[in-house]
Amino acid sequence: MLSFALWLVLLFLCWPLALLALVLYPLVWLITLPFRLIGIGVEGVFALLRAVVMLPARILGGAPR
């Protein structure tokens, strides 16, 4: 709701910039989507590596966090 209010203030003060932001936001979202998907994949790989490294400690009865 706050972002909508800020957009309305921007629309009132500088309407060309507000309309440009309204048009460019979906394009920027589409451009950054592959980077976010790569980030999710890298995070999954790191979680898998952490699980593999911690497996011996878990088997031997290490205290869970």
PDB file of N, CA and C in Angstrom:
ATOM      1  N   MET A   1       0.823  -1.189   0.000  1.00  0.00           N
ATOM      2  CA  MET A   1       0.000   0.000   0.000  1.00  0.00           C
ATOM      3  C   MET A   1       0.870   1.258   0.000  1.00  0.00           C
ATOM      4  N   LEU A   2       2.003   1.186   0.715  1.00  0.00           N
ATOM      5  CA  LEU A   2       2.903   2.329   0.763  1.00  0.00           C
ATOM      6  C   LEU A   2       3.507   2.601  -0.607  1.00  0.00           C
ATOM      7  N   SER A   3       3.856   1.547  -1.328  1.00  0.00           N
ATOM      8  CA  SER A   3       4.435   1.756  -2.658  1.00  0.00           C
ATOM      9  C   SER A   3       3.416   2.401  -3.603  1.00  0.00           C
ATOM     10  N   PHE A   4       2.147   2.035  -3.459  1.00  0.00           N
ATOM     11  CA  PHE A   4       1.109   2.648  -4.287  1.00  0.00           C
ATOM     12  C   PHE A   4       0.967   4.133  -3.963  1.00  0.00           C
ATOM     13  N   ALA A   5       1.039   4.459  -2.675  1.00  0.00           N
ATOM     14  CA  ALA A   5       0.945   5.865  -2.270  1.00  0.00           C
ATOM     15  C   ALA A   5       2.146   6.657  -2.790  1.00  0.00           C
ATOM     16  N   LEU A   6       3.331   6.062  -2.730  1.00  0.00           N
ATOM     17  CA  LEU A   6       4.511   6.737  -3.266  1.00  0.00           C
ATOM     18  C   LEU A   6       4.394   6.921  -4.771  1.00  0.00           C
ATOM     19  N   TRP A   7       3.834   5.919  -5.449  1.00  0.00           N
ATOM     20  CA  TRP A   7       3.642   6.054  -6.888  1.00  0.00           C
ATOM     21  C   TRP A   7       2.662   7.181  -7.196  1.00  0.00           C
ATOM     22  N   LEU A   8       1.614   7.315  -6.398  1.00  0.00           N
ATOM     23  CA  LEU A   8       0.656   8.405  -6.608  1.00  0.00           C
ATOM     24  C   LEU A   8       1.310   9.771  -6.381  1.00  0.00           C
ATOM     25  N   VAL A   9       2.181   9.871  -5.376  1.00  0.00           N
ATOM     26  CA  VAL A   9       2.899  11.132  -5.148  1.00  0.00           C
ATOM     27  C   VAL A   9       3.795  11.434  -6.338  1.00  0.00           C
ATOM     28  N   LEU A  10       4.492  10.408  -6.831  1.00  0.00           N
ATOM     29  CA  LEU A  10       5.338  10.597  -8.008  1.00  0.00           C
ATOM     30  C   LEU A  10       4.493  10.995  -9.215  1.00  0.00           C
ATOM     31  N   LEU A  11       3.324  10.391  -9.367  1.00  0.00           N
ATOM     32  CA  LEU A  11       2.431  10.737 -10.468  1.00  0.00           C
ATOM     33  C   LEU A  11       1.998  12.198 -10.381  1.00  0.00           C
ATOM     34  N   PHE A  12       1.742  12.650  -9.172  1.00  0.00           N
ATOM     35  CA  PHE A  12       1.302  14.039  -8.994  1.00  0.00           C
ATOM     36  C   PHE A  12       2.441  15.026  -9.261  1.00  0.00           C
ATOM     37  N   LEU A  13       3.653  14.685  -8.790  1.00  0.00           N
ATOM     38  CA  LEU A  13       4.778  15.608  -8.926  1.00  0.00           C
ATOM     39  C   LEU A  13       5.430  15.561 -10.300  1.00  0.00           C
ATOM     40  N   CYS A  14       5.581  14.377 -10.843  1.00  0.00           N
ATOM     41  CA  CYS A  14       6.293  14.238 -12.111  1.00  0.00           C
ATOM     42  C   CYS A  14       5.654  13.093 -12.892  1.00  0.00           C
ATOM     43  N   TRP A  15       4.566  13.356 -13.581  1.00  0.00           N
ATOM     44  CA  TRP A  15       3.798  12.294 -14.210  1.00  0.00           C
ATOM     45  C   TRP A  15       4.538  11.563 -15.325  1.00  0.00           C
ATOM     46  N   PRO A  16       5.427  12.190 -16.116  1.00  0.00           N
ATOM     47  CA  PRO A  16       6.126  11.383 -17.133  1.00  0.00           C
ATOM     48  C   PRO A  16       7.033  10.319 -16.512  1.00  0.00           C
ATOM     49  N   LEU A  17       7.717  10.680 -15.423  1.00  0.00           N
ATOM     50  CA  LEU A  17       8.577   9.722 -14.744  1.00  0.00           C
ATOM     51  C   LEU A  17       7.751   8.594 -14.128  1.00  0.00           C
ATOM     52  N   ALA A  18       6.589   8.931 -13.581  1.00  0.00           N
ATOM     53  CA  ALA A  18       5.728   7.912 -12.987  1.00  0.00           C
ATOM     54  C   ALA A  18       5.215   6.950 -14.050  1.00  0.00           C
ATOM     55  N   LEU A  19       4.823   7.459 -15.203  1.00  0.00           N
ATOM     56  CA  LEU A  19       4.346   6.580 -16.274  1.00  0.00           C
ATOM     57  C   LEU A  19       5.478   5.726 -16.833  1.00  0.00           C
ATOM     58  N   LEU A  20       6.684   6.284 -16.915  1.00  0.00           N
ATOM     59  CA  LEU A  20       7.842   5.511 -17.356  1.00  0.00           C
ATOM     60  C   LEU A  20       8.137   4.387 -16.369  1.00  0.00           C
ATOM     61  N   ALA A  21       8.055   4.676 -15.082  1.00  0.00           N
ATOM     62  CA  ALA A  21       8.272   3.647 -14.072  1.00  0.00           C
ATOM     63  C   ALA A  21       7.208   2.562 -14.166  1.00  0.00           C
ATOM     64  N   LEU A  22       5.977   2.958 -14.448  1.00  0.00           N
ATOM     65  CA  LEU A  22       4.888   2.000 -14.574  1.00  0.00           C
ATOM     66  C   LEU A  22       5.102   1.069 -15.761  1.00  0.00           C
ATOM     67  N   VAL A  23       5.664   1.583 -16.837  1.00  0.00           N
ATOM     68  CA  VAL A  23       5.906   0.766 -18.031  1.00  0.00           C
ATOM     69  C   VAL A  23       7.165  -0.082 -17.865  1.00  0.00           C
ATOM     70  N   LEU A  24       8.209   0.472 -17.258  1.00  0.00           N
ATOM     71  CA  LEU A  24       9.482  -0.236 -17.164  1.00  0.00           C
ATOM     72  C   LEU A  24       9.529  -1.297 -16.073  1.00  0.00           C
ATOM     73  N   TYR A  25       8.698  -1.197 -15.040  1.00  0.00           N
ATOM     74  CA  TYR A  25       8.744  -2.155 -13.937  1.00  0.00           C
ATOM     75  C   TYR A  25       8.540  -3.598 -14.408  1.00  0.00           C
ATOM     76  N   PRO A  26       7.539  -3.909 -15.224  1.00  0.00           N
ATOM     77  CA  PRO A  26       7.401  -5.300 -15.684  1.00  0.00           C
ATOM     78  C   PRO A  26       8.576  -5.760 -16.546  1.00  0.00           C
ATOM     79  N   LEU A  27       9.153  -4.857 -17.330  1.00  0.00           N
ATOM     80  CA  LEU A  27      10.303  -5.233 -18.154  1.00  0.00           C
ATOM     81  C   LEU A  27      11.518  -5.556 -17.285  1.00  0.00           C
ATOM     82  N   VAL A  28      11.760  -4.750 -16.273  1.00  0.00           N
ATOM     83  CA  VAL A  28      12.879  -5.015 -15.364  1.00  0.00           C
ATOM     84  C   VAL A  28      12.640  -6.321 -14.617  1.00  0.00           C
ATOM     85  N   TRP A  29      11.407  -6.580 -14.224  1.00  0.00           N
ATOM     86  CA  TRP A  29      11.071  -7.831 -13.538  1.00  0.00           C
ATOM     87  C   TRP A  29      11.369  -9.025 -14.440  1.00  0.00           C
ATOM     88  N   LEU A  30      11.016  -8.926 -15.722  1.00  0.00           N
ATOM     89  CA  LEU A  30      11.290 -10.023 -16.651  1.00  0.00           C
ATOM     90  C   LEU A  30      12.781 -10.210 -16.897  1.00  0.00           C
ATOM     91  N   ILE A  31      13.525  -9.124 -16.939  1.00  0.00           N
ATOM     92  CA  ILE A  31      14.972  -9.224 -17.163  1.00  0.00           C
ATOM     93  C   ILE A  31      15.664  -9.861 -15.959  1.00  0.00           C
ATOM     94  N   THR A  32      15.239  -9.548 -14.745  1.00  0.00           N
ATOM     95  CA  THR A  32      15.889 -10.087 -13.550  1.00  0.00           C
ATOM     96  C   THR A  32      15.401 -11.488 -13.183  1.00  0.00           C
ATOM     97  N   LEU A  33      14.352 -11.976 -13.813  1.00  0.00           N
ATOM     98  CA  LEU A  33      13.823 -13.302 -13.488  1.00  0.00           C
ATOM     99  C   LEU A  33      14.847 -14.418 -13.658  1.00  0.00           C
ATOM    100  N   PRO A  34      15.615 -14.485 -14.738  1.00  0.00           N
ATOM    101  CA  PRO A  34      16.613 -15.571 -14.847  1.00  0.00           C
ATOM    102  C   PRO A  34      17.657 -15.532 -13.732  1.00  0.00           C
ATOM    103  N   PHE A  35      18.058 -14.330 -13.311  1.00  0.00           N
ATOM    104  CA  PHE A  35      19.044 -14.229 -12.237  1.00  0.00           C
ATOM    105  C   PHE A  35      18.470 -14.743 -10.921  1.00  0.00           C
ATOM    106  N   ARG A  36      17.193 -14.479 -10.681  1.00  0.00           N
ATOM    107  CA  ARG A  36      16.565 -14.998  -9.464  1.00  0.00           C
ATOM    108  C   ARG A  36      16.455 -16.512  -9.517  1.00  0.00           C
ATOM    109  N   LEU A  37      16.142 -17.064 -10.689  1.00  0.00           N
ATOM    110  CA  LEU A  37      16.070 -18.516 -10.819  1.00  0.00           C
ATOM    111  C   LEU A  37      17.439 -19.162 -10.619  1.00  0.00           C
ATOM    112  N   ILE A  38      18.486 -18.541 -11.149  1.00  0.00           N
ATOM    113  CA  ILE A  38      19.850 -19.042 -10.924  1.00  0.00           C
ATOM    114  C   ILE A  38      20.187 -18.975  -9.430  1.00  0.00           C
ATOM    115  N   GLY A  39      19.779 -17.915  -8.769  1.00  0.00           N
ATOM    116  CA  GLY A  39      20.021 -17.782  -7.328  1.00  0.00           C
ATOM    117  C   GLY A  39      19.333 -18.875  -6.536  1.00  0.00           C
ATOM    118  N   ILE A  40      18.119 -19.239  -6.918  1.00  0.00           N
ATOM    119  CA  ILE A  40      17.413 -20.317  -6.236  1.00  0.00           C
ATOM    120  C   ILE A  40      18.148 -21.630  -6.440  1.00  0.00           C
ATOM    121  N   GLY A  41      18.631 -21.859  -7.654  1.00  0.00           N
ATOM    122  CA  GLY A  41      19.383 -23.091  -7.933  1.00  0.00           C
ATOM    123  C   GLY A  41      20.683 -23.167  -7.155  1.00  0.00           C
ATOM    124  N   VAL A  42      21.425 -22.056  -7.099  1.00  0.00           N
ATOM    125  CA  VAL A  42      22.687 -22.031  -6.356  1.00  0.00           C
ATOM    126  C   VAL A  42      22.426 -22.237  -4.864  1.00  0.00           C
ATOM    127  N   GLU A  43      21.368 -21.645  -4.356  1.00  0.00           N
ATOM    128  CA  GLU A  43      21.022 -21.836  -2.956  1.00  0.00           C
ATOM    129  C   GLU A  43      20.701 -23.302  -2.673  1.00  0.00           C
ATOM    130  N   GLY A  44      20.025 -23.963  -3.597  1.00  0.00           N
ATOM    131  CA  GLY A  44      19.742 -25.390  -3.436  1.00  0.00           C
ATOM    132  C   GLY A  44      20.995 -26.239  -3.447  1.00  0.00           C
ATOM    133  N   VAL A  45      21.943 -25.905  -4.328  1.00  0.00           N
ATOM    134  CA  VAL A  45      23.209 -26.644  -4.373  1.00  0.00           C
ATOM    135  C   VAL A  45      23.968 -26.478  -3.063  1.00  0.00           C
ATOM    136  N   PHE A  46      24.017 -25.263  -2.532  1.00  0.00           N
ATOM    137  CA  PHE A  46      24.707 -25.037  -1.259  1.00  0.00           C
ATOM    138  C   PHE A  46      24.014 -25.773  -0.109  1.00  0.00           C
ATOM    139  N   ALA A  47      22.695 -25.831  -0.119  1.00  0.00           N
ATOM    140  CA  ALA A  47      21.973 -26.575   0.915  1.00  0.00           C
ATOM    141  C   ALA A  47      22.291 -28.067   0.810  1.00  0.00           C
ATOM    142  N   LEU A  48      22.382 -28.585  -0.403  1.00  0.00           N
ATOM    143  CA  LEU A  48      22.734 -29.996  -0.594  1.00  0.00           C
ATOM    144  C   LEU A  48      24.155 -30.275  -0.107  1.00  0.00           C
ATOM    145  N   LEU A  49      25.099 -29.400  -0.453  1.00  0.00           N
ATOM    146  CA  LEU A  49      26.477 -29.575   0.010  1.00  0.00           C
ATOM    147  C   LEU A  49      26.567 -29.516   1.531  1.00  0.00           C
ATOM    148  N   ARG A  50      25.831 -28.605   2.142  1.00  0.00           N
ATOM    149  CA  ARG A  50      25.831 -28.511   3.609  1.00  0.00           C
ATOM    150  C   ARG A  50      25.256 -29.775   4.222  1.00  0.00           C
ATOM    151  N   ALA A  51      24.202 -30.322   3.626  1.00  0.00           N
ATOM    152  CA  ALA A  51      23.606 -31.551   4.150  1.00  0.00           C
ATOM    153  C   ALA A  51      24.577 -32.722   4.020  1.00  0.00           C
ATOM    154  N   VAL A  52      25.316 -32.791   2.905  1.00  0.00           N
ATOM    155  CA  VAL A  52      26.275 -33.882   2.712  1.00  0.00           C
ATOM    156  C   VAL A  52      27.426 -33.755   3.709  1.00  0.00           C
ATOM    157  N   VAL A  53      27.911 -32.551   3.945  1.00  0.00           N
ATOM    158  CA  VAL A  53      29.018 -32.353   4.881  1.00  0.00           C
ATOM    159  C   VAL A  53      28.581 -32.645   6.310  1.00  0.00           C
ATOM    160  N   MET A  54      27.363 -32.290   6.667  1.00  0.00           N
ATOM    161  CA  MET A  54      26.879 -32.493   8.033  1.00  0.00           C
ATOM    162  C   MET A  54      26.342 -33.903   8.287  1.00  0.00           C
ATOM    163  N   LEU A  55      26.219 -34.714   7.250  1.00  0.00           N
ATOM    164  CA  LEU A  55      25.640 -36.049   7.417  1.00  0.00           C
ATOM    165  C   LEU A  55      26.411 -36.910   8.406  1.00  0.00           C
ATOM    166  N   PRO A  56      27.751 -36.988   8.352  1.00  0.00           N
ATOM    167  CA  PRO A  56      28.443 -37.824   9.346  1.00  0.00           C
ATOM    168  C   PRO A  56      28.182 -37.383  10.781  1.00  0.00           C
ATOM    169  N   ALA A  57      28.136 -36.101  11.020  1.00  0.00           N
ATOM    170  CA  ALA A  57      27.870 -35.616  12.377  1.00  0.00           C
ATOM    171  C   ALA A  57      26.462 -35.988  12.810  1.00  0.00           C
ATOM    172  N   ARG A  58      25.528 -35.933  11.907  1.00  0.00           N
ATOM    173  CA  ARG A  58      24.154 -36.295  12.269  1.00  0.00           C
ATOM    174  C   ARG A  58      24.029 -37.773  12.540  1.00  0.00           C
ATOM    175  N   ILE A  59      24.763 -38.583  11.780  1.00  0.00           N
ATOM    176  CA  ILE A  59      24.707 -40.027  11.989  1.00  0.00           C
ATOM    177  C   ILE A  59      25.339 -40.392  13.335  1.00  0.00           C
ATOM    178  N   LEU A  60      26.446 -39.706  13.686  1.00  0.00           N
ATOM    179  CA  LEU A  60      27.132 -40.004  14.946  1.00  0.00           C
ATOM    180  C   LEU A  60      26.436 -39.388  16.159  1.00  0.00           C
ATOM    181  N   GLY A  61      25.370 -38.666  15.947  1.00  0.00           N
ATOM    182  CA  GLY A  61      24.570 -38.161  17.069  1.00  0.00           C
ATOM    183  C   GLY A  61      24.887 -36.753  17.488  1.00  0.00           C
ATOM    184  N   GLY A  62      25.314 -35.941  16.563  1.00  0.00           N
ATOM    185  CA  GLY A  62      25.564 -34.532  16.874  1.00  0.00           C
ATOM    186  C   GLY A  62      24.263 -33.838  17.237  1.00  0.00           C
ATOM    187  N   ALA A  63      24.370 -32.800  18.036  1.00  0.00           N
ATOM    188  CA  ALA A  63      23.180 -32.074  18.470  1.00  0.00           C
ATOM    189  C   ALA A  63      22.622 -31.274  17.298  1.00  0.00           C
ATOM    190  N   PRO A  64      21.339 -31.416  16.983  1.00  0.00           N
ATOM    191  CA  PRO A  64      20.735 -30.606  15.909  1.00  0.00           C
ATOM    192  C   PRO A  64      20.604 -29.159  16.339  1.00  0.00           C
ATOM    193  N   ARG A  65      20.669 -28.261  15.380  1.00  0.00           N
ATOM    194  CA  ARG A  65      20.553 -26.827  15.691  1.00  0.00           C
ATOM    195  C   ARG A  65      19.117 -26.400  15.648  1.00  0.00           C
TER     196      ARG A  65
END
